[in-house]
Amino acid sequence: MGTLTDLQKAIFEEVKQKLPQNVSLVHEISELLGVSYDSAYRRIRGVKSLSLDELFTICSHFGIPLDPHFGVKGNKVLFESMFVEPEKIGIKEWLQKIHSDILRMAEVKEARIIYAARDIPFYHFFQIPEIAAFKVFFWQKTLFRFPEYIDRKFSIGGYDSGIQELGTKILLTSIKIPTREIWNEDTFSIFLRQIEYYWISGLFEKVEEVLILCDKLEQWLRHLESQAERGYKFLYGMEPSGVEDSFRLYENEVVLNDNTILARLDGRKITYLTYNVISLLVTTDQTFNDSIEKYLTGLMRESILISASAARERSRFFNRLIHQVHLFREKIRSQP
């Protein structure tokens, strides 16, 4: 970085990139620093220098690391956290934050997501409300142990329609963004095992709802297969429509140890790393994101493309998953 003015302009450019297109940079800086619009504009243009306090306030608020701007190289990477915590941040608040990020992604001219999925990408669940109902309940009761869920059993009818509405909004936006997803057989098997665990543990309010979920799982998998076949995502139950080659699905039989998401947005990159299954660490660190992109690109090369023209590989993959559902359904029916 050359001069302090260059540094200041670079900081404001990063802030601008983080804001939705319909949000005024001048307004945001004016509100954050408690100065007039004219004073905020002069700082943005570099006419008036930022004080150290103002620089710290802006960088802290927007999660902007200063080291790269000063040419400092090191092993530290700055992350923003998007987490769920009982009695503080619920599933709705978590979804609202993700919806905000997805909307920003959809606004840019060139966006692309690469998703290495150890667990099924969560937006797929909202294609079928019954599937989403179970997954959201599992998160709240078993994963995060929300106090109000301690003594509750799962019932499809107890699903919060507000959560489904938020999830559908995310789904409607995400299907417009070109996506490459890397799965393996365990990506689905983990989810099926969670349902089986609830059944064995007597955590279904109505046992017949386990069979309903099995039927919905099969419909859901066939819909995922249909999207992979067409090469684009579309809503379940709707007429297929989308941009060709906007959805590529890969199978990796060896390496998928975590959930890693890389978004490319008009040349910028954002990485989302999961912890505690669905909580997220988010960074715009260029060096880190470059290394993640290199890793994910290599992972795709070592994977089998099972979308579009890869009919045999795709059928083999989804038939194996559906066979798992059939075996589970027969196990349930065989119980006295």
C-alpha atoms as a PDB file:
ATOM      1  CA  MET A   1       0.000   0.000   0.000  1.00  0.00           C
ATOM      2  CA  GLY A   2       1.385   3.384  -1.025  1.00  0.00           C
ATOM      3  CA  THR A   3      -0.060   6.356   0.901  1.00  0.00           C
ATOM      4  CA  LEU A   4      -2.530   6.649   3.752  1.00  0.00           C
ATOM      5  CA  THR A   5      -5.030   7.990   1.218  1.00  0.00           C
ATOM      6  CA  ASP A   6      -4.599   4.798  -0.834  1.00  0.00           C
ATOM      7  CA  LEU A   7      -5.132   2.732   2.309  1.00  0.00           C
ATOM      8  CA  GLN A   8      -8.268   4.676   3.188  1.00  0.00           C
ATOM      9  CA  LYS A   9      -9.725   4.262  -0.299  1.00  0.00           C
ATOM     10  CA  ALA A  10      -8.940   0.529  -0.258  1.00  0.00           C
ATOM     11  CA  ILE A  11     -10.711   0.116   3.103  1.00  0.00           C
ATOM     12  CA  PHE A  12     -13.816   1.877   1.821  1.00  0.00           C
ATOM     13  CA  GLU A  13     -13.758  -0.233  -1.337  1.00  0.00           C
ATOM     14  CA  GLU A  14     -13.840  -3.358   0.847  1.00  0.00           C
ATOM     15  CA  VAL A  15     -16.727  -1.917   2.843  1.00  0.00           C
ATOM     16  CA  LYS A  16     -18.600  -1.171  -0.376  1.00  0.00           C
ATOM     17  CA  GLN A  17     -18.130  -4.763  -1.540  1.00  0.00           C
ATOM     18  CA  LYS A  18     -19.639  -6.049   1.709  1.00  0.00           C
ATOM     19  CA  LEU A  19     -22.782  -3.919   1.433  1.00  0.00           C
ATOM     20  CA  PRO A  20     -25.882  -4.890  -0.564  1.00  0.00           C
ATOM     21  CA  GLN A  21     -26.243  -2.840  -3.740  1.00  0.00           C
ATOM     22  CA  ASN A  22     -29.321  -1.062  -2.381  1.00  0.00           C
ATOM     23  CA  VAL A  23     -27.482   0.194   0.731  1.00  0.00           C
ATOM     24  CA  SER A  24     -25.751   3.576   0.618  1.00  0.00           C
ATOM     25  CA  LEU A  25     -22.079   3.561   1.636  1.00  0.00           C
ATOM     26  CA  VAL A  26     -22.302   7.241   2.654  1.00  0.00           C
ATOM     27  CA  HIS A  27     -25.308   6.539   4.878  1.00  0.00           C
ATOM     28  CA  GLU A  28     -23.658   3.548   6.557  1.00  0.00           C
ATOM     29  CA  ILE A  29     -20.425   5.432   7.314  1.00  0.00           C
ATOM     30  CA  SER A  30     -22.350   8.489   8.497  1.00  0.00           C
ATOM     31  CA  GLU A  31     -24.386   6.363  10.932  1.00  0.00           C
ATOM     32  CA  LEU A  32     -21.402   4.316  12.123  1.00  0.00           C
ATOM     33  CA  LEU A  33     -19.091   7.270  12.799  1.00  0.00           C
ATOM     34  CA  GLY A  34     -21.808   9.720  13.880  1.00  0.00           C
ATOM     35  CA  VAL A  35     -20.853  12.343  11.282  1.00  0.00           C
ATOM     36  CA  SER A  36     -22.763  14.229   8.586  1.00  0.00           C
ATOM     37  CA  TYR A  37     -23.242  12.890   5.067  1.00  0.00           C
ATOM     38  CA  ASP A  38     -20.838  15.530   3.750  1.00  0.00           C
ATOM     39  CA  SER A  39     -18.178  14.569   6.291  1.00  0.00           C
ATOM     40  CA  ALA A  40     -18.647  10.863   5.525  1.00  0.00           C
ATOM     41  CA  TYR A  41     -18.362  11.550   1.784  1.00  0.00           C
ATOM     42  CA  ARG A  42     -15.104  13.507   2.288  1.00  0.00           C
ATOM     43  CA  ARG A  43     -13.618  10.550   4.183  1.00  0.00           C
ATOM     44  CA  ILE A  44     -14.710   8.106   1.482  1.00  0.00           C
ATOM     45  CA  ARG A  45     -13.076  10.264  -1.226  1.00  0.00           C
ATOM     46  CA  GLY A  46      -9.879  10.555   0.827  1.00  0.00           C
ATOM     47  CA  VAL A  47     -10.189  14.339   1.200  1.00  0.00           C
ATOM     48  CA  LYS A  48     -10.316  13.980   5.001  1.00  0.00           C
ATOM     49  CA  SER A  49      -8.176  11.394   6.760  1.00  0.00           C
ATOM     50  CA  LEU A  50      -9.695   8.838   9.107  1.00  0.00           C
ATOM     51  CA  SER A  51      -8.564   8.972  12.705  1.00  0.00           C
ATOM     52  CA  LEU A  52      -7.154   5.797  14.255  1.00  0.00           C
ATOM     53  CA  ASP A  53     -10.371   5.409  16.259  1.00  0.00           C
ATOM     54  CA  GLU A  54     -12.473   5.736  13.107  1.00  0.00           C
ATOM     55  CA  LEU A  55     -10.287   3.270  11.209  1.00  0.00           C
ATOM     56  CA  PHE A  56     -10.596   0.769  14.065  1.00  0.00           C
ATOM     57  CA  THR A  57     -14.377   1.270  14.263  1.00  0.00           C
ATOM     58  CA  ILE A  58     -14.868   0.675  10.531  1.00  0.00           C
ATOM     59  CA  CYS A  59     -12.571  -2.347  10.318  1.00  0.00           C
ATOM     60  CA  SER A  60     -14.064  -3.942  13.434  1.00  0.00           C
ATOM     61  CA  HIS A  61     -17.653  -3.346  12.325  1.00  0.00           C
ATOM     62  CA  PHE A  62     -17.185  -4.758   8.828  1.00  0.00           C
ATOM     63  CA  GLY A  63     -14.635  -7.446   9.699  1.00  0.00           C
ATOM     64  CA  ILE A  64     -11.789  -6.037   7.579  1.00  0.00           C
ATOM     65  CA  PRO A  65      -8.222  -7.162   8.448  1.00  0.00           C
ATOM     66  CA  LEU A  66      -5.563  -4.444   8.215  1.00  0.00           C
ATOM     67  CA  ASP A  67      -2.499  -6.681   7.848  1.00  0.00           C
ATOM     68  CA  PRO A  68      -2.890  -7.273   4.079  1.00  0.00           C
ATOM     69  CA  HIS A  69      -3.181  -3.524   3.472  1.00  0.00           C
ATOM     70  CA  PHE A  70       0.146  -2.945   5.197  1.00  0.00           C
ATOM     71  CA  GLY A  71       1.808  -5.842   3.383  1.00  0.00           C
ATOM     72  CA  VAL A  72       2.106  -7.845   6.596  1.00  0.00           C
ATOM     73  CA  LYS A  73       2.279 -11.577   5.936  1.00  0.00           C
ATOM     74  CA  GLY A  74       1.472 -14.119   8.606  1.00  0.00           C
ATOM     75  CA  ASN A  75      -0.588 -17.130   9.546  1.00  0.00           C
ATOM     76  CA  LYS A  76      -3.498 -15.243  11.080  1.00  0.00           C
ATOM     77  CA  VAL A  77      -6.840 -15.163   9.267  1.00  0.00           C
ATOM     78  CA  LEU A  78      -9.783 -13.008  10.384  1.00  0.00           C
ATOM     79  CA  PHE A  79     -13.156 -14.771  10.473  1.00  0.00           C
ATOM     80  CA  GLU A  80     -16.687 -13.569  11.136  1.00  0.00           C
ATOM     81  CA  SER A  81     -18.866 -16.040  13.051  1.00  0.00           C
ATOM     82  CA  MET A  82     -22.429 -17.033  12.124  1.00  0.00           C
ATOM     83  CA  PHE A  83     -23.544 -19.333  14.913  1.00  0.00           C
ATOM     84  CA  VAL A  84     -26.560 -20.814  16.671  1.00  0.00           C
ATOM     85  CA  GLU A  85     -26.686 -20.659  20.461  1.00  0.00           C
ATOM     86  CA  PRO A  86     -29.594 -21.676  22.733  1.00  0.00           C
ATOM     87  CA  GLU A  87     -31.463 -18.748  24.325  1.00  0.00           C
ATOM     88  CA  LYS A  88     -29.382 -16.265  22.299  1.00  0.00           C
ATOM     89  CA  ILE A  89     -29.407 -16.966  18.569  1.00  0.00           C
ATOM     90  CA  GLY A  90     -32.048 -19.295  17.170  1.00  0.00           C
ATOM     91  CA  ILE A  91     -32.487 -21.042  13.838  1.00  0.00           C
ATOM     92  CA  LYS A  92     -34.568 -18.158  12.450  1.00  0.00           C
ATOM     93  CA  GLU A  93     -31.877 -15.571  13.196  1.00  0.00           C
ATOM     94  CA  TRP A  94     -29.244 -17.867  11.667  1.00  0.00           C
ATOM     95  CA  LEU A  95     -31.346 -18.301   8.528  1.00  0.00           C
ATOM     96  CA  GLN A  96     -31.967 -14.549   8.285  1.00  0.00           C
ATOM     97  CA  LYS A  97     -28.216 -13.887   8.277  1.00  0.00           C
ATOM     98  CA  ILE A  98     -27.660 -16.525   5.603  1.00  0.00           C
ATOM     99  CA  HIS A  99     -30.533 -15.114   3.543  1.00  0.00           C
ATOM    100  CA  SER A 100     -28.880 -11.692   3.674  1.00  0.00           C
ATOM    101  CA  ASP A 101     -25.586 -13.164   2.410  1.00  0.00           C
ATOM    102  CA  ILE A 102     -27.310 -15.162  -0.343  1.00  0.00           C
ATOM    103  CA  LEU A 103     -29.158 -12.055  -1.542  1.00  0.00           C
ATOM    104  CA  ARG A 104     -25.850 -10.192  -1.856  1.00  0.00           C
ATOM    105  CA  MET A 105     -24.384 -13.064  -3.847  1.00  0.00           C
ATOM    106  CA  ALA A 106     -27.342 -13.058  -6.231  1.00  0.00           C
ATOM    107  CA  GLU A 107     -26.948  -9.327  -6.873  1.00  0.00           C
ATOM    108  CA  VAL A 108     -23.472  -9.518  -8.420  1.00  0.00           C
ATOM    109  CA  LYS A 109     -22.928 -10.010 -12.157  1.00  0.00           C
ATOM    110  CA  GLU A 110     -20.784 -13.136 -11.867  1.00  0.00           C
ATOM    111  CA  ALA A 111     -21.357 -15.452  -8.915  1.00  0.00           C
ATOM    112  CA  ARG A 112     -20.406 -19.090  -8.404  1.00  0.00           C
ATOM    113  CA  ILE A 113     -20.399 -21.412  -5.397  1.00  0.00           C
ATOM    114  CA  ILE A 114     -18.330 -24.543  -4.818  1.00  0.00           C
ATOM    115  CA  TYR A 115     -19.704 -26.657  -1.958  1.00  0.00           C
ATOM    116  CA  ALA A 116     -17.797 -29.670  -0.584  1.00  0.00           C
ATOM    117  CA  ALA A 117     -20.624 -31.369   1.276  1.00  0.00           C
ATOM    118  CA  ARG A 118     -19.896 -33.789   4.086  1.00  0.00           C
ATOM    119  CA  ASP A 119     -23.507 -33.088   5.125  1.00  0.00           C
ATOM    120  CA  ILE A 120     -26.287 -32.335   2.657  1.00  0.00           C
ATOM    121  CA  PRO A 121     -26.268 -28.602   1.769  1.00  0.00           C
ATOM    122  CA  PHE A 122     -28.969 -27.272   4.064  1.00  0.00           C
ATOM    123  CA  TYR A 123     -30.939 -25.358   1.397  1.00  0.00           C
ATOM    124  CA  HIS A 124     -31.922 -28.665  -0.255  1.00  0.00           C
ATOM    125  CA  PHE A 125     -33.956 -29.618   2.829  1.00  0.00           C
ATOM    126  CA  PHE A 126     -36.453 -26.831   2.201  1.00  0.00           C
ATOM    127  CA  GLN A 127     -37.552 -28.375  -1.102  1.00  0.00           C
ATOM    128  CA  ILE A 128     -39.928 -30.595   0.893  1.00  0.00           C
ATOM    129  CA  PRO A 129     -41.321 -29.195   4.186  1.00  0.00           C
ATOM    130  CA  GLU A 130     -41.543 -32.600   5.912  1.00  0.00           C
ATOM    131  CA  ILE A 131     -37.819 -33.161   5.292  1.00  0.00           C
ATOM    132  CA  ALA A 132     -36.956 -29.676   6.556  1.00  0.00           C
ATOM    133  CA  ALA A 133     -39.228 -30.177   9.586  1.00  0.00           C
ATOM    134  CA  PHE A 134     -37.213 -33.179  10.766  1.00  0.00           C
ATOM    135  CA  LYS A 135     -33.824 -31.617  10.113  1.00  0.00           C
ATOM    136  CA  VAL A 136     -34.652 -28.366  11.904  1.00  0.00           C
ATOM    137  CA  PHE A 137     -36.080 -30.306  14.876  1.00  0.00           C
ATOM    138  CA  PHE A 138     -32.917 -32.443  14.989  1.00  0.00           C
ATOM    139  CA  TRP A 139     -30.737 -29.320  15.045  1.00  0.00           C
ATOM    140  CA  GLN A 140     -32.724 -27.745  17.868  1.00  0.00           C
ATOM    141  CA  LYS A 141     -33.187 -30.831  20.070  1.00  0.00           C
ATOM    142  CA  THR A 142     -30.125 -33.013  19.519  1.00  0.00           C
ATOM    143  CA  LEU A 143     -27.443 -30.743  18.116  1.00  0.00           C
ATOM    144  CA  PHE A 144     -27.929 -27.543  20.146  1.00  0.00           C
ATOM    145  CA  ARG A 145     -30.140 -28.877  22.975  1.00  0.00           C
ATOM    146  CA  PHE A 146     -32.552 -25.972  23.062  1.00  0.00           C
ATOM    147  CA  PRO A 147     -34.160 -26.137  26.565  1.00  0.00           C
ATOM    148  CA  GLU A 148     -37.721 -26.035  25.208  1.00  0.00           C
ATOM    149  CA  TYR A 149     -37.015 -29.183  23.139  1.00  0.00           C
ATOM    150  CA  ILE A 150     -35.648 -31.407  25.942  1.00  0.00           C
ATOM    151  CA  ASP A 151     -38.917 -33.298  26.516  1.00  0.00           C
ATOM    152  CA  ARG A 152     -40.381 -32.902  23.031  1.00  0.00           C
ATOM    153  CA  LYS A 153     -40.792 -35.619  20.416  1.00  0.00           C
ATOM    154  CA  PHE A 154     -40.760 -34.978  16.694  1.00  0.00           C
ATOM    155  CA  SER A 155     -44.031 -34.308  14.907  1.00  0.00           C
ATOM    156  CA  ILE A 156     -44.387 -33.042  11.348  1.00  0.00           C
ATOM    157  CA  GLY A 157     -47.326 -30.917  12.494  1.00  0.00           C
ATOM    158  CA  GLY A 158     -45.153 -29.082  15.029  1.00  0.00           C
ATOM    159  CA  TYR A 159     -42.978 -27.488  12.345  1.00  0.00           C
ATOM    160  CA  ASP A 160     -42.656 -23.685  12.486  1.00  0.00           C
ATOM    161  CA  SER A 161     -44.040 -22.312   9.201  1.00  0.00           C
ATOM    162  CA  GLY A 162     -41.919 -19.173   9.662  1.00  0.00           C
ATOM    163  CA  ILE A 163     -38.739 -21.259   9.424  1.00  0.00           C
ATOM    164  CA  GLN A 164     -39.990 -22.935   6.257  1.00  0.00           C
ATOM    165  CA  GLU A 165     -40.819 -19.513   4.789  1.00  0.00           C
ATOM    166  CA  LEU A 166     -37.268 -18.290   5.456  1.00  0.00           C
ATOM    167  CA  GLY A 167     -35.789 -21.505   4.099  1.00  0.00           C
ATOM    168  CA  THR A 168     -37.863 -21.212   0.934  1.00  0.00           C
ATOM    169  CA  LYS A 169     -36.621 -17.664   0.389  1.00  0.00           C
ATOM    170  CA  ILE A 170     -33.024 -18.905   0.660  1.00  0.00           C
ATOM    171  CA  LEU A 171     -33.834 -21.756  -1.721  1.00  0.00           C
ATOM    172  CA  LEU A 172     -35.470 -19.458  -4.277  1.00  0.00           C
ATOM    173  CA  THR A 173     -32.386 -17.228  -4.298  1.00  0.00           C
ATOM    174  CA  SER A 174     -29.754 -19.979  -4.151  1.00  0.00           C
ATOM    175  CA  ILE A 175     -31.116 -21.883  -7.165  1.00  0.00           C
ATOM    176  CA  LYS A 176     -30.244 -18.841  -9.292  1.00  0.00           C
ATOM    177  CA  ILE A 177     -26.540 -18.993  -8.347  1.00  0.00           C
ATOM    178  CA  PRO A 178     -24.341 -21.400 -10.373  1.00  0.00           C
ATOM    179  CA  THR A 179     -23.225 -24.118  -7.975  1.00  0.00           C
ATOM    180  CA  ARG A 180     -20.789 -27.037  -7.948  1.00  0.00           C
ATOM    181  CA  GLU A 181     -21.536 -29.548  -5.191  1.00  0.00           C
ATOM    182  CA  ILE A 182     -19.245 -32.425  -4.180  1.00  0.00           C
ATOM    183  CA  TRP A 183     -21.011 -35.294  -2.385  1.00  0.00           C
ATOM    184  CA  ASN A 184     -20.315 -38.869  -1.437  1.00  0.00           C
ATOM    185  CA  GLU A 185     -22.610 -41.672  -0.316  1.00  0.00           C
ATOM    186  CA  ASP A 186     -22.147 -40.762   3.350  1.00  0.00           C
ATOM    187  CA  THR A 187     -23.457 -37.244   2.672  1.00  0.00           C
ATOM    188  CA  PHE A 188     -26.948 -38.755   2.556  1.00  0.00           C
ATOM    189  CA  SER A 189     -26.345 -41.737   4.855  1.00  0.00           C
ATOM    190  CA  ILE A 190     -25.600 -39.450   7.819  1.00  0.00           C
ATOM    191  CA  PHE A 191     -29.055 -37.886   7.465  1.00  0.00           C
ATOM    192  CA  LEU A 192     -30.783 -41.267   7.185  1.00  0.00           C
ATOM    193  CA  ARG A 193     -28.973 -42.490  10.299  1.00  0.00           C
ATOM    194  CA  GLN A 194     -30.299 -39.488  12.217  1.00  0.00           C
ATOM    195  CA  ILE A 195     -33.867 -40.465  11.300  1.00  0.00           C
ATOM    196  CA  GLU A 196     -33.169 -44.087  12.264  1.00  0.00           C
ATOM    197  CA  TYR A 197     -31.729 -42.968  15.598  1.00  0.00           C
ATOM    198  CA  TYR A 198     -34.923 -41.034  16.377  1.00  0.00           C
ATOM    199  CA  TRP A 199     -37.043 -44.050  15.425  1.00  0.00           C
ATOM    200  CA  ILE A 200     -35.029 -46.482  17.574  1.00  0.00           C
ATOM    201  CA  SER A 201     -35.010 -44.009  20.490  1.00  0.00           C
ATOM    202  CA  GLY A 202     -38.777 -43.507  20.382  1.00  0.00           C
ATOM    203  CA  LEU A 203     -38.452 -39.817  19.560  1.00  0.00           C
ATOM    204  CA  PHE A 204     -41.241 -39.769  16.973  1.00  0.00           C
ATOM    205  CA  GLU A 205     -44.576 -38.623  18.395  1.00  0.00           C
ATOM    206  CA  LYS A 206     -46.340 -40.806  15.804  1.00  0.00           C
ATOM    207  CA  VAL A 207     -44.523 -43.902  14.547  1.00  0.00           C
ATOM    208  CA  GLU A 208     -46.353 -43.752  11.198  1.00  0.00           C
ATOM    209  CA  GLU A 209     -44.584 -40.466  10.480  1.00  0.00           C
ATOM    210  CA  VAL A 210     -41.323 -42.395  10.077  1.00  0.00           C
ATOM    211  CA  LEU A 211     -42.874 -44.084   7.020  1.00  0.00           C
ATOM    212  CA  ILE A 212     -44.115 -40.706   5.757  1.00  0.00           C
ATOM    213  CA  LEU A 213     -40.541 -39.429   5.967  1.00  0.00           C
ATOM    214  CA  CYS A 214     -39.308 -42.470   4.023  1.00  0.00           C
ATOM    215  CA  ASP A 215     -41.752 -41.680   1.208  1.00  0.00           C
ATOM    216  CA  LYS A 216     -40.704 -38.027   1.226  1.00  0.00           C
ATOM    217  CA  LEU A 217     -37.021 -38.997   1.204  1.00  0.00           C
ATOM    218  CA  GLU A 218     -37.507 -41.061  -1.938  1.00  0.00           C
ATOM    219  CA  GLN A 219     -39.376 -38.211  -3.662  1.00  0.00           C
ATOM    220  CA  TRP A 220     -36.677 -35.803  -2.532  1.00  0.00           C
ATOM    221  CA  LEU A 221     -33.839 -37.951  -3.870  1.00  0.00           C
ATOM    222  CA  ARG A 222     -35.590 -38.344  -7.213  1.00  0.00           C
ATOM    223  CA  HIS A 223     -35.948 -34.570  -7.385  1.00  0.00           C
ATOM    224  CA  LEU A 224     -32.232 -34.104  -6.639  1.00  0.00           C
ATOM    225  CA  GLU A 225     -31.489 -36.641  -9.362  1.00  0.00           C
ATOM    226  CA  SER A 226     -33.744 -34.737 -11.779  1.00  0.00           C
ATOM    227  CA  GLN A 227     -31.905 -31.487 -11.048  1.00  0.00           C
ATOM    228  CA  ALA A 228     -28.550 -33.192 -11.616  1.00  0.00           C
ATOM    229  CA  GLU A 229     -29.816 -34.676 -14.881  1.00  0.00           C
ATOM    230  CA  ARG A 230     -30.951 -31.300 -16.200  1.00  0.00           C
ATOM    231  CA  GLY A 231     -27.908 -29.418 -14.919  1.00  0.00           C
ATOM    232  CA  TYR A 232     -29.908 -26.765 -13.062  1.00  0.00           C
ATOM    233  CA  LYS A 233     -31.906 -26.441  -9.842  1.00  0.00           C
ATOM    234  CA  PHE A 234     -35.652 -25.881  -9.684  1.00  0.00           C
ATOM    235  CA  LEU A 235     -38.377 -26.110  -7.062  1.00  0.00           C
ATOM    236  CA  TYR A 236     -39.940 -29.461  -6.220  1.00  0.00           C
ATOM    237  CA  GLY A 237     -43.386 -29.825  -7.769  1.00  0.00           C
ATOM    238  CA  MET A 238     -42.796 -27.000 -10.258  1.00  0.00           C
ATOM    239  CA  GLU A 239     -42.208 -27.148 -14.003  1.00  0.00           C
ATOM    240  CA  PRO A 240     -38.451 -27.619 -14.607  1.00  0.00           C
ATOM    241  CA  SER A 241     -36.819 -24.356 -15.654  1.00  0.00           C
ATOM    242  CA  GLY A 242     -33.326 -22.953 -15.203  1.00  0.00           C
ATOM    243  CA  VAL A 243     -29.977 -22.036 -16.705  1.00  0.00           C
ATOM    244  CA  GLU A 244     -28.177 -24.956 -18.342  1.00  0.00           C
ATOM    245  CA  ASP A 245     -24.968 -26.081 -16.573  1.00  0.00           C
ATOM    246  CA  SER A 246     -25.681 -23.922 -13.513  1.00  0.00           C
ATOM    247  CA  PHE A 247     -25.685 -27.014 -11.285  1.00  0.00           C
ATOM    248  CA  ARG A 248     -22.931 -29.625 -11.361  1.00  0.00           C
ATOM    249  CA  LEU A 249     -22.939 -32.538  -8.958  1.00  0.00           C
ATOM    250  CA  TYR A 250     -19.795 -34.542  -8.255  1.00  0.00           C
ATOM    251  CA  GLU A 251     -19.251 -37.760  -6.307  1.00  0.00           C
ATOM    252  CA  ASN A 252     -16.029 -38.138  -4.363  1.00  0.00           C
ATOM    253  CA  GLU A 253     -15.567 -41.646  -2.977  1.00  0.00           C
ATOM    254  CA  VAL A 254     -12.514 -40.882  -0.830  1.00  0.00           C
ATOM    255  CA  VAL A 255     -12.128 -37.387   0.684  1.00  0.00           C
ATOM    256  CA  LEU A 256     -14.907 -35.310   2.246  1.00  0.00           C
ATOM    257  CA  ASN A 257     -13.950 -34.529   5.821  1.00  0.00           C
ATOM    258  CA  ASP A 258     -15.903 -31.327   6.376  1.00  0.00           C
ATOM    259  CA  ASN A 259     -18.291 -28.820   4.834  1.00  0.00           C
ATOM    260  CA  THR A 260     -16.407 -26.130   2.918  1.00  0.00           C
ATOM    261  CA  ILE A 261     -18.081 -23.465   0.805  1.00  0.00           C
ATOM    262  CA  LEU A 262     -16.300 -21.046  -1.517  1.00  0.00           C
ATOM    263  CA  ALA A 263     -18.184 -18.202  -3.203  1.00  0.00           C
ATOM    264  CA  ARG A 264     -16.700 -16.246  -6.117  1.00  0.00           C
ATOM    265  CA  LEU A 265     -18.382 -12.866  -6.542  1.00  0.00           C
ATOM    266  CA  ASP A 266     -17.179 -10.646  -9.386  1.00  0.00           C
ATOM    267  CA  GLY A 267     -13.579 -11.670  -8.703  1.00  0.00           C
ATOM    268  CA  ARG A 268     -13.887 -11.514  -4.911  1.00  0.00           C
ATOM    269  CA  LYS A 269     -13.885 -14.706  -2.855  1.00  0.00           C
ATOM    270  CA  ILE A 270     -15.577 -15.654   0.409  1.00  0.00           C
ATOM    271  CA  THR A 271     -15.026 -18.902   2.298  1.00  0.00           C
ATOM    272  CA  TYR A 272     -17.543 -20.429   4.717  1.00  0.00           C
ATOM    273  CA  LEU A 273     -16.252 -23.131   7.073  1.00  0.00           C
ATOM    274  CA  THR A 274     -18.654 -25.045   9.307  1.00  0.00           C
ATOM    275  CA  TYR A 275     -18.226 -25.830  12.987  1.00  0.00           C
ATOM    276  CA  ASN A 276     -20.755 -27.464  15.325  1.00  0.00           C
ATOM    277  CA  VAL A 277     -22.292 -28.845  12.096  1.00  0.00           C
ATOM    278  CA  ILE A 278     -24.163 -25.717  10.918  1.00  0.00           C
ATOM    279  CA  SER A 279     -22.474 -22.719  12.570  1.00  0.00           C
ATOM    280  CA  LEU A 280     -20.202 -20.863  10.162  1.00  0.00           C
ATOM    281  CA  LEU A 281     -16.852 -19.103  10.108  1.00  0.00           C
ATOM    282  CA  VAL A 282     -16.657 -16.608   7.233  1.00  0.00           C
ATOM    283  CA  THR A 283     -13.583 -14.912   5.770  1.00  0.00           C
ATOM    284  CA  THR A 284     -12.682 -12.691   2.821  1.00  0.00           C
ATOM    285  CA  ASP A 285      -8.928 -13.197   3.370  1.00  0.00           C
ATOM    286  CA  GLN A 286      -7.485 -13.383  -0.152  1.00  0.00           C
ATOM    287  CA  THR A 287      -4.548 -15.712   0.536  1.00  0.00           C
ATOM    288  CA  PHE A 288      -6.692 -18.137   2.518  1.00  0.00           C
ATOM    289  CA  ASN A 289      -9.468 -18.126  -0.095  1.00  0.00           C
ATOM    290  CA  ASP A 290      -6.984 -18.717  -2.914  1.00  0.00           C
ATOM    291  CA  SER A 291      -5.737 -21.828  -1.122  1.00  0.00           C
ATOM    292  CA  ILE A 292      -9.297 -23.063  -0.520  1.00  0.00           C
ATOM    293  CA  GLU A 293     -10.177 -22.550  -4.182  1.00  0.00           C
ATOM    294  CA  LYS A 294      -7.088 -24.492  -5.238  1.00  0.00           C
ATOM    295  CA  TYR A 295      -8.021 -27.333  -2.885  1.00  0.00           C
ATOM    296  CA  LEU A 296     -11.664 -27.499  -4.035  1.00  0.00           C
ATOM    297  CA  THR A 297     -10.699 -27.323  -7.709  1.00  0.00           C
ATOM    298  CA  GLY A 298      -8.330 -30.247  -7.172  1.00  0.00           C
ATOM    299  CA  LEU A 299     -11.066 -32.122  -5.294  1.00  0.00           C
ATOM    300  CA  MET A 300     -13.426 -31.756  -8.255  1.00  0.00           C
ATOM    301  CA  ARG A 301     -10.746 -33.117 -10.589  1.00  0.00           C
ATOM    302  CA  GLU A 302     -10.475 -36.206  -8.370  1.00  0.00           C
ATOM    303  CA  SER A 303     -14.275 -36.621  -8.284  1.00  0.00           C
ATOM    304  CA  ILE A 304     -16.775 -38.153 -10.708  1.00  0.00           C
ATOM    305  CA  LEU A 305     -19.157 -35.757 -12.458  1.00  0.00           C
ATOM    306  CA  ILE A 306     -22.643 -37.285 -12.086  1.00  0.00           C
ATOM    307  CA  SER A 307     -24.767 -34.470 -13.530  1.00  0.00           C
ATOM    308  CA  ALA A 308     -25.875 -33.619 -17.079  1.00  0.00           C
ATOM    309  CA  SER A 309     -24.697 -36.316 -19.541  1.00  0.00           C
ATOM    310  CA  ALA A 310     -23.257 -38.736 -16.939  1.00  0.00           C
ATOM    311  CA  ALA A 311     -26.420 -40.864 -16.885  1.00  0.00           C
ATOM    312  CA  ARG A 312     -24.934 -44.201 -15.799  1.00  0.00           C
ATOM    313  CA  GLU A 313     -22.884 -42.778 -12.924  1.00  0.00           C
ATOM    314  CA  ARG A 314     -25.814 -40.631 -11.789  1.00  0.00           C
ATOM    315  CA  SER A 315     -28.289 -43.543 -11.794  1.00  0.00           C
ATOM    316  CA  ARG A 316     -25.833 -45.727  -9.908  1.00  0.00           C
ATOM    317  CA  PHE A 317     -25.297 -43.064  -7.245  1.00  0.00           C
ATOM    318  CA  PHE A 318     -28.960 -42.213  -6.614  1.00  0.00           C
ATOM    319  CA  ASN A 319     -30.158 -45.812  -6.839  1.00  0.00           C
ATOM    320  CA  ARG A 320     -27.745 -46.686  -4.023  1.00  0.00           C
ATOM    321  CA  LEU A 321     -29.188 -43.908  -1.872  1.00  0.00           C
ATOM    322  CA  ILE A 322     -32.783 -44.885  -2.590  1.00  0.00           C
ATOM    323  CA  HIS A 323     -31.931 -48.520  -1.823  1.00  0.00           C
ATOM    324  CA  GLN A 324     -30.854 -47.369   1.645  1.00  0.00           C
ATOM    325  CA  VAL A 325     -34.305 -45.817   2.117  1.00  0.00           C
ATOM    326  CA  HIS A 326     -36.001 -49.040   0.942  1.00  0.00           C
ATOM    327  CA  LEU A 327     -33.983 -51.136   3.412  1.00  0.00           C
ATOM    328  CA  PHE A 328     -34.854 -48.759   6.259  1.00  0.00           C
ATOM    329  CA  ARG A 329     -38.565 -48.819   5.325  1.00  0.00           C
ATOM    330  CA  GLU A 330     -38.564 -52.623   5.341  1.00  0.00           C
ATOM    331  CA  LYS A 331     -36.861 -52.643   8.751  1.00  0.00           C
ATOM    332  CA  ILE A 332     -39.632 -50.432  10.145  1.00  0.00           C
ATOM    333  CA  ARG A 333     -42.407 -52.559   8.642  1.00  0.00           C
ATOM    334  CA  SER A 334     -40.865 -55.751   9.954  1.00  0.00           C
ATOM    335  CA  GLN A 335     -41.165 -54.568  13.553  1.00  0.00           C
ATOM    336  CA  PRO A 336     -44.169 -55.952  15.434  1.00  0.00           C
END
